[in-house]
Amino acid sequence: MDRSAERGWEWLENGELIQRAEEDGYEVIVTTDQSMRYQQNLAGRRLAIVVLMATAWPRVRPRTAAIRAAIEEVRPGELREVPIPRRG
């Protein structure tokens, strides 16, 4: 799994990142940017976006099965959010 920083893409804005990922053949972007839904129009895009609704690994890790399912089920041009419950 590539990360944007490992590819030198950390400086790209969301629209540019999506474009570059499509050009490089990516099918899905997984992000924690919860505002992505409001910032990007995915109509006509060849890739999909999965948004994790938390950033803390201890909260995200127990949801890996749900994340994997979202990645497998999401279709090009779609954005799917994966709920991450709060502990406590």
PDB file of N, CA and C in Angstrom:
ATOM      1  N   MET A   1       0.853  -1.170   0.000  1.00  0.00           N
ATOM      2  CA  MET A   1       0.000   0.000   0.000  1.00  0.00           C
ATOM      3  C   MET A   1       0.898   1.232   0.000  1.00  0.00           C
ATOM      4  N   ASP A   2       0.755   2.071  -0.988  1.00  0.00           N
ATOM      5  CA  ASP A   2       1.517   3.311  -1.074  1.00  0.00           C
ATOM      6  C   ASP A   2       0.886   4.385  -0.227  1.00  0.00           C
ATOM      7  N   ARG A   3       1.698   5.256   0.280  1.00  0.00           N
ATOM      8  CA  ARG A   3       1.208   6.452   0.950  1.00  0.00           C
ATOM      9  C   ARG A   3       1.640   7.628   0.107  1.00  0.00           C
ATOM     10  N   SER A   4       0.861   8.692   0.128  1.00  0.00           N
ATOM     11  CA  SER A   4       1.152   9.841  -0.728  1.00  0.00           C
ATOM     12  C   SER A   4       2.543  10.397  -0.480  1.00  0.00           C
ATOM     13  N   ALA A   5       3.004  10.438   0.768  1.00  0.00           N
ATOM     14  CA  ALA A   5       4.333  10.973   1.067  1.00  0.00           C
ATOM     15  C   ALA A   5       5.425  10.111   0.443  1.00  0.00           C
ATOM     16  N   GLU A   6       5.229   8.801   0.411  1.00  0.00           N
ATOM     17  CA  GLU A   6       6.217   7.914  -0.183  1.00  0.00           C
ATOM     18  C   GLU A   6       6.325   8.110  -1.682  1.00  0.00           C
ATOM     19  N   ARG A   7       5.289   8.621  -2.297  1.00  0.00           N
ATOM     20  CA  ARG A   7       5.298   8.870  -3.739  1.00  0.00           C
ATOM     21  C   ARG A   7       5.679  10.305  -4.062  1.00  0.00           C
ATOM     22  N   GLY A   8       5.922  11.123  -3.027  1.00  0.00           N
ATOM     23  CA  GLY A   8       6.240  12.526  -3.253  1.00  0.00           C
ATOM     24  C   GLY A   8       5.010  13.375  -3.527  1.00  0.00           C
ATOM     25  N   TRP A   9       3.838  12.889  -3.127  1.00  0.00           N
ATOM     26  CA  TRP A   9       2.580  13.584  -3.415  1.00  0.00           C
ATOM     27  C   TRP A   9       2.055  14.372  -2.234  1.00  0.00           C
ATOM     28  N   GLU A  10       2.774  14.427  -1.120  1.00  0.00           N
ATOM     29  CA  GLU A  10       2.234  15.060   0.080  1.00  0.00           C
ATOM     30  C   GLU A  10       1.884  16.526  -0.110  1.00  0.00           C
ATOM     31  N   TRP A  11       2.445  17.182  -1.092  1.00  0.00           N
ATOM     32  CA  TRP A  11       2.185  18.595  -1.345  1.00  0.00           C
ATOM     33  C   TRP A  11       0.981  18.821  -2.251  1.00  0.00           C
ATOM     34  N   LEU A  12       0.410  17.768  -2.815  1.00  0.00           N
ATOM     35  CA  LEU A  12      -0.710  17.913  -3.748  1.00  0.00           C
ATOM     36  C   LEU A  12      -2.012  18.226  -3.011  1.00  0.00           C
ATOM     37  N   GLU A  13      -2.798  19.106  -3.587  1.00  0.00           N
ATOM     38  CA  GLU A  13      -4.155  19.361  -3.093  1.00  0.00           C
ATOM     39  C   GLU A  13      -5.025  18.166  -3.467  1.00  0.00           C
ATOM     40  N   ASN A  14      -6.191  18.032  -2.824  1.00  0.00           N
ATOM     41  CA  ASN A  14      -7.038  16.865  -3.044  1.00  0.00           C
ATOM     42  C   ASN A  14      -7.369  16.615  -4.509  1.00  0.00           C
ATOM     43  N   GLY A  15      -7.765  17.641  -5.244  1.00  0.00           N
ATOM     44  CA  GLY A  15      -8.106  17.460  -6.653  1.00  0.00           C
ATOM     45  C   GLY A  15      -6.917  16.983  -7.462  1.00  0.00           C
ATOM     46  N   GLU A  16      -5.748  17.541  -7.195  1.00  0.00           N
ATOM     47  CA  GLU A  16      -4.527  17.116  -7.887  1.00  0.00           C
ATOM     48  C   GLU A  16      -4.131  15.698  -7.485  1.00  0.00           C
ATOM     49  N   LEU A  17      -4.312  15.377  -6.214  1.00  0.00           N
ATOM     50  CA  LEU A  17      -3.989  14.038  -5.732  1.00  0.00           C
ATOM     51  C   LEU A  17      -4.869  12.999  -6.422  1.00  0.00           C
ATOM     52  N   ILE A  18      -6.145  13.280  -6.526  1.00  0.00           N
ATOM     53  CA  ILE A  18      -7.064  12.361  -7.202  1.00  0.00           C
ATOM     54  C   ILE A  18      -6.660  12.189  -8.658  1.00  0.00           C
ATOM     55  N   GLN A  19      -6.350  13.279  -9.327  1.00  0.00           N
ATOM     56  CA  GLN A  19      -5.939  13.220 -10.732  1.00  0.00           C
ATOM     57  C   GLN A  19      -4.676  12.384 -10.900  1.00  0.00           C
ATOM     58  N   ARG A  20      -3.672  12.628 -10.057  1.00  0.00           N
ATOM     59  CA  ARG A  20      -2.404  11.892 -10.145  1.00  0.00           C
ATOM     60  C   ARG A  20      -2.623  10.410  -9.856  1.00  0.00           C
ATOM     61  N   ALA A  21      -3.447  10.111  -8.864  1.00  0.00           N
ATOM     62  CA  ALA A  21      -3.727   8.710  -8.530  1.00  0.00           C
ATOM     63  C   ALA A  21      -4.420   8.005  -9.698  1.00  0.00           C
ATOM     64  N   GLU A  22      -5.360   8.682 -10.338  1.00  0.00           N
ATOM     65  CA  GLU A  22      -6.028   8.100 -11.512  1.00  0.00           C
ATOM     66  C   GLU A  22      -5.030   7.847 -12.629  1.00  0.00           C
ATOM     67  N   GLU A  23      -4.172   8.818 -12.876  1.00  0.00           N
ATOM     68  CA  GLU A  23      -3.166   8.679 -13.937  1.00  0.00           C
ATOM     69  C   GLU A  23      -2.239   7.501 -13.675  1.00  0.00           C
ATOM     70  N   ASP A  24      -1.960   7.225 -12.410  1.00  0.00           N
ATOM     71  CA  ASP A  24      -1.068   6.124 -12.049  1.00  0.00           C
ATOM     72  C   ASP A  24      -1.812   4.790 -11.882  1.00  0.00           C
ATOM     73  N   GLY A  25      -3.107   4.773 -12.175  1.00  0.00           N
ATOM     74  CA  GLY A  25      -3.861   3.535 -12.184  1.00  0.00           C
ATOM     75  C   GLY A  25      -4.470   3.105 -10.863  1.00  0.00           C
ATOM     76  N   TYR A  26      -4.469   3.970  -9.868  1.00  0.00           N
ATOM     77  CA  TYR A  26      -5.098   3.616  -8.598  1.00  0.00           C
ATOM     78  C   TYR A  26      -6.609   3.526  -8.770  1.00  0.00           C
ATOM     79  N   GLU A  27      -7.223   2.623  -8.031  1.00  0.00           N
ATOM     80  CA  GLU A  27      -8.670   2.443  -8.083  1.00  0.00           C
ATOM     81  C   GLU A  27      -9.365   3.036  -6.868  1.00  0.00           C
ATOM     82  N   VAL A  28      -8.680   3.082  -5.724  1.00  0.00           N
ATOM     83  CA  VAL A  28      -9.277   3.559  -4.478  1.00  0.00           C
ATOM     84  C   VAL A  28      -8.250   4.387  -3.713  1.00  0.00           C
ATOM     85  N   ILE A  29      -8.711   5.490  -3.140  1.00  0.00           N
ATOM     86  CA  ILE A  29      -7.924   6.277  -2.199  1.00  0.00           C
ATOM     87  C   ILE A  29      -8.568   6.091  -0.834  1.00  0.00           C
ATOM     88  N   VAL A  30      -7.756   5.775   0.174  1.00  0.00           N
ATOM     89  CA  VAL A  30      -8.227   5.690   1.558  1.00  0.00           C
ATOM     90  C   VAL A  30      -7.654   6.898   2.284  1.00  0.00           C
ATOM     91  N   THR A  31      -8.532   7.659   2.938  1.00  0.00           N
ATOM     92  CA  THR A  31      -8.120   8.899   3.582  1.00  0.00           C
ATOM     93  C   THR A  31      -8.858   9.086   4.904  1.00  0.00           C
ATOM     94  N   THR A  32      -8.337   9.965   5.724  1.00  0.00           N
ATOM     95  CA  THR A  32      -9.048  10.380   6.937  1.00  0.00           C
ATOM     96  C   THR A  32      -9.588  11.800   6.782  1.00  0.00           C
ATOM     97  N   ASP A  33      -9.490  12.361   5.591  1.00  0.00           N
ATOM     98  CA  ASP A  33      -9.972  13.717   5.327  1.00  0.00           C
ATOM     99  C   ASP A  33     -11.502  13.695   5.241  1.00  0.00           C
ATOM    100  N   GLN A  34     -12.152  13.992   6.356  1.00  0.00           N
ATOM    101  CA  GLN A  34     -13.607  13.896   6.433  1.00  0.00           C
ATOM    102  C   GLN A  34     -14.326  14.986   5.646  1.00  0.00           C
ATOM    103  N   SER A  35     -13.628  16.008   5.212  1.00  0.00           N
ATOM    104  CA  SER A  35     -14.258  17.042   4.398  1.00  0.00           C
ATOM    105  C   SER A  35     -14.198  16.715   2.908  1.00  0.00           C
ATOM    106  N   MET A  36     -13.573  15.601   2.546  1.00  0.00           N
ATOM    107  CA  MET A  36     -13.443  15.209   1.141  1.00  0.00           C
ATOM    108  C   MET A  36     -14.798  15.162   0.442  1.00  0.00           C
ATOM    109  N   ARG A  37     -15.838  14.695   1.135  1.00  0.00           N
ATOM    110  CA  ARG A  37     -17.175  14.594   0.545  1.00  0.00           C
ATOM    111  C   ARG A  37     -17.653  15.951   0.019  1.00  0.00           C
ATOM    112  N   TYR A  38     -17.297  17.007   0.711  1.00  0.00           N
ATOM    113  CA  TYR A  38     -17.778  18.346   0.357  1.00  0.00           C
ATOM    114  C   TYR A  38     -16.831  19.074  -0.573  1.00  0.00           C
ATOM    115  N   GLN A  39     -15.609  18.585  -0.708  1.00  0.00           N
ATOM    116  CA  GLN A  39     -14.601  19.274  -1.504  1.00  0.00           C
ATOM    117  C   GLN A  39     -14.481  18.749  -2.928  1.00  0.00           C
ATOM    118  N   GLN A  40     -14.886  17.511  -3.163  1.00  0.00           N
ATOM    119  CA  GLN A  40     -14.619  16.885  -4.454  1.00  0.00           C
ATOM    120  C   GLN A  40     -15.891  16.369  -5.108  1.00  0.00           C
ATOM    121  N   ASN A  41     -16.004  16.646  -6.396  1.00  0.00           N
ATOM    122  CA  ASN A  41     -17.065  16.065  -7.207  1.00  0.00           C
ATOM    123  C   ASN A  41     -16.462  14.845  -7.892  1.00  0.00           C
ATOM    124  N   LEU A  42     -16.939  13.672  -7.551  1.00  0.00           N
ATOM    125  CA  LEU A  42     -16.360  12.446  -8.086  1.00  0.00           C
ATOM    126  C   LEU A  42     -17.065  11.933  -9.333  1.00  0.00           C
ATOM    127  N   ALA A  43     -18.083  12.643  -9.781  1.00  0.00           N
ATOM    128  CA  ALA A  43     -18.799  12.218 -10.984  1.00  0.00           C
ATOM    129  C   ALA A  43     -17.817  12.087 -12.147  1.00  0.00           C
ATOM    130  N   GLY A  44     -17.855  10.940 -12.796  1.00  0.00           N
ATOM    131  CA  GLY A  44     -16.993  10.697 -13.941  1.00  0.00           C
ATOM    132  C   GLY A  44     -15.578  10.259 -13.584  1.00  0.00           C
ATOM    133  N   ARG A  45     -15.268  10.170 -12.317  1.00  0.00           N
ATOM    134  CA  ARG A  45     -13.925   9.737 -11.899  1.00  0.00           C
ATOM    135  C   ARG A  45     -13.776   8.232 -12.070  1.00  0.00           C
ATOM    136  N   ARG A  46     -12.550   7.798 -12.296  1.00  0.00           N
ATOM    137  CA  ARG A  46     -12.253   6.377 -12.455  1.00  0.00           C
ATOM    138  C   ARG A  46     -11.874   5.723 -11.135  1.00  0.00           C
ATOM    139  N   LEU A  47     -11.752   6.502 -10.088  1.00  0.00           N
ATOM    140  CA  LEU A  47     -11.412   5.912  -8.800  1.00  0.00           C
ATOM    141  C   LEU A  47     -12.465   6.239  -7.772  1.00  0.00           C
ATOM    142  N   ALA A  48     -12.363   5.570  -6.646  1.00  0.00           N
ATOM    143  CA  ALA A  48     -13.298   5.742  -5.539  1.00  0.00           C
ATOM    144  C   ALA A  48     -12.515   6.214  -4.320  1.00  0.00           C
ATOM    145  N   ILE A  49     -13.236   6.738  -3.341  1.00  0.00           N
ATOM    146  CA  ILE A  49     -12.606   7.216  -2.112  1.00  0.00           C
ATOM    147  C   ILE A  49     -13.295   6.559  -0.920  1.00  0.00           C
ATOM    148  N   VAL A  50     -12.475   6.059  -0.001  1.00  0.00           N
ATOM    149  CA  VAL A  50     -12.962   5.522   1.267  1.00  0.00           C
ATOM    150  C   VAL A  50     -12.431   6.439   2.360  1.00  0.00           C
ATOM    151  N   VAL A  51     -13.344   6.994   3.153  1.00  0.00           N
ATOM    152  CA  VAL A  51     -12.972   7.935   4.208  1.00  0.00           C
ATOM    153  C   VAL A  51     -13.134   7.247   5.555  1.00  0.00           C
ATOM    154  N   LEU A  52     -12.054   7.203   6.312  1.00  0.00           N
ATOM    155  CA  LEU A  52     -12.092   6.678   7.673  1.00  0.00           C
ATOM    156  C   LEU A  52     -12.511   7.807   8.591  1.00  0.00           C
ATOM    157  N   MET A  53     -13.496   7.565   9.429  1.00  0.00           N
ATOM    158  CA  MET A  53     -14.075   8.625  10.238  1.00  0.00           C
ATOM    159  C   MET A  53     -13.352   8.812  11.578  1.00  0.00           C
ATOM    160  N   ALA A  54     -12.068   8.499  11.599  1.00  0.00           N
ATOM    161  CA  ALA A  54     -11.194   8.751  12.744  1.00  0.00           C
ATOM    162  C   ALA A  54      -9.760   8.677  12.240  1.00  0.00           C
ATOM    163  N   THR A  55      -8.847   9.264  12.994  1.00  0.00           N
ATOM    164  CA  THR A  55      -7.438   9.248  12.596  1.00  0.00           C
ATOM    165  C   THR A  55      -6.553   8.449  13.538  1.00  0.00           C
ATOM    166  N   ALA A  56      -7.029   8.147  14.726  1.00  0.00           N
ATOM    167  CA  ALA A  56      -6.212   7.462  15.731  1.00  0.00           C
ATOM    168  C   ALA A  56      -6.160   5.956  15.454  1.00  0.00           C
ATOM    169  N   TRP A  57      -4.955   5.428  15.255  1.00  0.00           N
ATOM    170  CA  TRP A  57      -4.789   4.024  14.929  1.00  0.00           C
ATOM    171  C   TRP A  57      -5.447   3.089  15.946  1.00  0.00           C
ATOM    172  N   PRO A  58      -5.368   3.335  17.257  1.00  0.00           N
ATOM    173  CA  PRO A  58      -6.036   2.429  18.196  1.00  0.00           C
ATOM    174  C   PRO A  58      -7.549   2.327  17.966  1.00  0.00           C
ATOM    175  N   ARG A  59      -8.155   3.369  17.434  1.00  0.00           N
ATOM    176  CA  ARG A  59      -9.591   3.321  17.122  1.00  0.00           C
ATOM    177  C   ARG A  59      -9.838   2.713  15.748  1.00  0.00           C
ATOM    178  N   VAL A  60      -8.930   2.931  14.809  1.00  0.00           N
ATOM    179  CA  VAL A  60      -9.102   2.449  13.436  1.00  0.00           C
ATOM    180  C   VAL A  60      -8.826   0.944  13.334  1.00  0.00           C
ATOM    181  N   ARG A  61      -7.798   0.471  14.004  1.00  0.00           N
ATOM    182  CA  ARG A  61      -7.345  -0.912  13.863  1.00  0.00           C
ATOM    183  C   ARG A  61      -8.441  -1.957  14.045  1.00  0.00           C
ATOM    184  N   PRO A  62      -9.317  -1.850  15.033  1.00  0.00           N
ATOM    185  CA  PRO A  62     -10.368  -2.876  15.175  1.00  0.00           C
ATOM    186  C   PRO A  62     -11.380  -2.877  14.022  1.00  0.00           C
ATOM    187  N   ARG A  63     -11.341  -1.866  13.167  1.00  0.00           N
ATOM    188  CA  ARG A  63     -12.307  -1.747  12.065  1.00  0.00           C
ATOM    189  C   ARG A  63     -11.720  -2.188  10.720  1.00  0.00           C
ATOM    190  N   THR A  64     -10.579  -2.898  10.748  1.00  0.00           N
ATOM    191  CA  THR A  64      -9.934  -3.256   9.488  1.00  0.00           C
ATOM    192  C   THR A  64     -10.830  -4.108   8.585  1.00  0.00           C
ATOM    193  N   ALA A  65     -11.647  -4.978   9.146  1.00  0.00           N
ATOM    194  CA  ALA A  65     -12.555  -5.782   8.308  1.00  0.00           C
ATOM    195  C   ALA A  65     -13.566  -4.886   7.595  1.00  0.00           C
ATOM    196  N   ALA A  66     -14.099  -3.899   8.296  1.00  0.00           N
ATOM    197  CA  ALA A  66     -15.049  -2.964   7.676  1.00  0.00           C
ATOM    198  C   ALA A  66     -14.360  -2.105   6.627  1.00  0.00           C
ATOM    199  N   ILE A  67     -13.126  -1.730   6.886  1.00  0.00           N
ATOM    200  CA  ILE A  67     -12.369  -0.924   5.917  1.00  0.00           C
ATOM    201  C   ILE A  67     -12.111  -1.742   4.658  1.00  0.00           C
ATOM    202  N   ARG A  68     -11.675  -2.979   4.846  1.00  0.00           N
ATOM    203  CA  ARG A  68     -11.428  -3.869   3.701  1.00  0.00           C
ATOM    204  C   ARG A  68     -12.707  -4.054   2.889  1.00  0.00           C
ATOM    205  N   ALA A  69     -13.828  -4.268   3.564  1.00  0.00           N
ATOM    206  CA  ALA A  69     -15.103  -4.446   2.864  1.00  0.00           C
ATOM    207  C   ALA A  69     -15.466  -3.190   2.071  1.00  0.00           C
ATOM    208  N   ALA A  70     -15.258  -2.027   2.664  1.00  0.00           N
ATOM    209  CA  ALA A  70     -15.560  -0.774   1.961  1.00  0.00           C
ATOM    210  C   ALA A  70     -14.699  -0.631   0.713  1.00  0.00           C
ATOM    211  N   ILE A  71     -13.425  -0.983   0.819  1.00  0.00           N
ATOM    212  CA  ILE A  71     -12.522  -0.905  -0.335  1.00  0.00           C
ATOM    213  C   ILE A  71     -12.987  -1.844  -1.442  1.00  0.00           C
ATOM    214  N   GLU A  72     -13.412  -3.034  -1.071  1.00  0.00           N
ATOM    215  CA  GLU A  72     -13.858  -4.012  -2.068  1.00  0.00           C
ATOM    216  C   GLU A  72     -15.201  -3.643  -2.699  1.00  0.00           C
ATOM    217  N   GLU A  73     -16.064  -2.976  -1.952  1.00  0.00           N
ATOM    218  CA  GLU A  73     -17.421  -2.697  -2.423  1.00  0.00           C
ATOM    219  C   GLU A  73     -17.581  -1.362  -3.136  1.00  0.00           C
ATOM    220  N   VAL A  74     -16.770  -0.367  -2.796  1.00  0.00           N
ATOM    221  CA  VAL A  74     -16.927   0.963  -3.379  1.00  0.00           C
ATOM    222  C   VAL A  74     -16.619   0.907  -4.881  1.00  0.00           C
ATOM    223  N   ARG A  75     -17.318   1.707  -5.642  1.00  0.00           N
ATOM    224  CA  ARG A  75     -17.191   1.719  -7.100  1.00  0.00           C
ATOM    225  C   ARG A  75     -16.630   3.059  -7.574  1.00  0.00           C
ATOM    226  N   PRO A  76     -16.066   3.097  -8.783  1.00  0.00           N
ATOM    227  CA  PRO A  76     -15.528   4.355  -9.306  1.00  0.00           C
ATOM    228  C   PRO A  76     -16.569   5.476  -9.218  1.00  0.00           C
ATOM    229  N   GLY A  77     -16.108   6.642  -8.800  1.00  0.00           N
ATOM    230  CA  GLY A  77     -16.980   7.794  -8.682  1.00  0.00           C
ATOM    231  C   GLY A  77     -17.740   7.873  -7.375  1.00  0.00           C
ATOM    232  N   GLU A  78     -17.539   6.880  -6.495  1.00  0.00           N
ATOM    233  CA  GLU A  78     -18.233   6.863  -5.210  1.00  0.00           C
ATOM    234  C   GLU A  78     -17.295   7.259  -4.077  1.00  0.00           C
ATOM    235  N   LEU A  79     -17.892   7.750  -3.014  1.00  0.00           N
ATOM    236  CA  LEU A  79     -17.188   8.003  -1.762  1.00  0.00           C
ATOM    237  C   LEU A  79     -17.942   7.254  -0.684  1.00  0.00           C
ATOM    238  N   ARG A  80     -17.222   6.451   0.085  1.00  0.00           N
ATOM    239  CA  ARG A  80     -17.845   5.678   1.157  1.00  0.00           C
ATOM    240  C   ARG A  80     -17.135   6.011   2.457  1.00  0.00           C
ATOM    241  N   GLU A  81     -17.919   6.304   3.491  1.00  0.00           N
ATOM    242  CA  GLU A  81     -17.371   6.589   4.804  1.00  0.00           C
ATOM    243  C   GLU A  81     -17.436   5.325   5.657  1.00  0.00           C
ATOM    244  N   VAL A  82     -16.368   5.079   6.418  1.00  0.00           N
ATOM    245  CA  VAL A  82     -16.324   3.944   7.345  1.00  0.00           C
ATOM    246  C   VAL A  82     -16.428   4.499   8.758  1.00  0.00           C
ATOM    247  N   PRO A  83     -17.530   4.237   9.445  1.00  0.00           N
ATOM    248  CA  PRO A  83     -17.677   4.727  10.814  1.00  0.00           C
ATOM    249  C   PRO A  83     -16.634   4.073  11.731  1.00  0.00           C
ATOM    250  N   ILE A  84     -16.072   4.860  12.605  1.00  0.00           N
ATOM    251  CA  ILE A  84     -15.116   4.381  13.604  1.00  0.00           C
ATOM    252  C   ILE A  84     -15.670   4.791  14.966  1.00  0.00           C
ATOM    253  N   PRO A  85     -16.225   3.842  15.720  1.00  0.00           N
ATOM    254  CA  PRO A  85     -16.842   4.210  17.000  1.00  0.00           C
ATOM    255  C   PRO A  85     -15.819   4.743  17.992  1.00  0.00           C
ATOM    256  N   ARG A  86     -16.303   5.616  18.839  1.00  0.00           N
ATOM    257  CA  ARG A  86     -15.475   6.116  19.945  1.00  0.00           C
ATOM    258  C   ARG A  86     -15.446   5.065  21.028  1.00  0.00           C
ATOM    259  N   ARG A  87     -14.342   4.986  21.688  1.00  0.00           N
ATOM    260  CA  ARG A  87     -14.238   4.060  22.815  1.00  0.00           C
ATOM    261  C   ARG A  87     -14.672   4.788  24.079  1.00  0.00           C
ATOM    262  N   GLY A  88     -15.117   4.005  25.024  1.00  0.00           N
ATOM    263  CA  GLY A  88     -15.420   4.626  26.310  1.00  0.00           C
ATOM    264  C   GLY A  88     -16.794   4.554  26.703  1.00  0.00           C
TER     265      GLY A  88
END
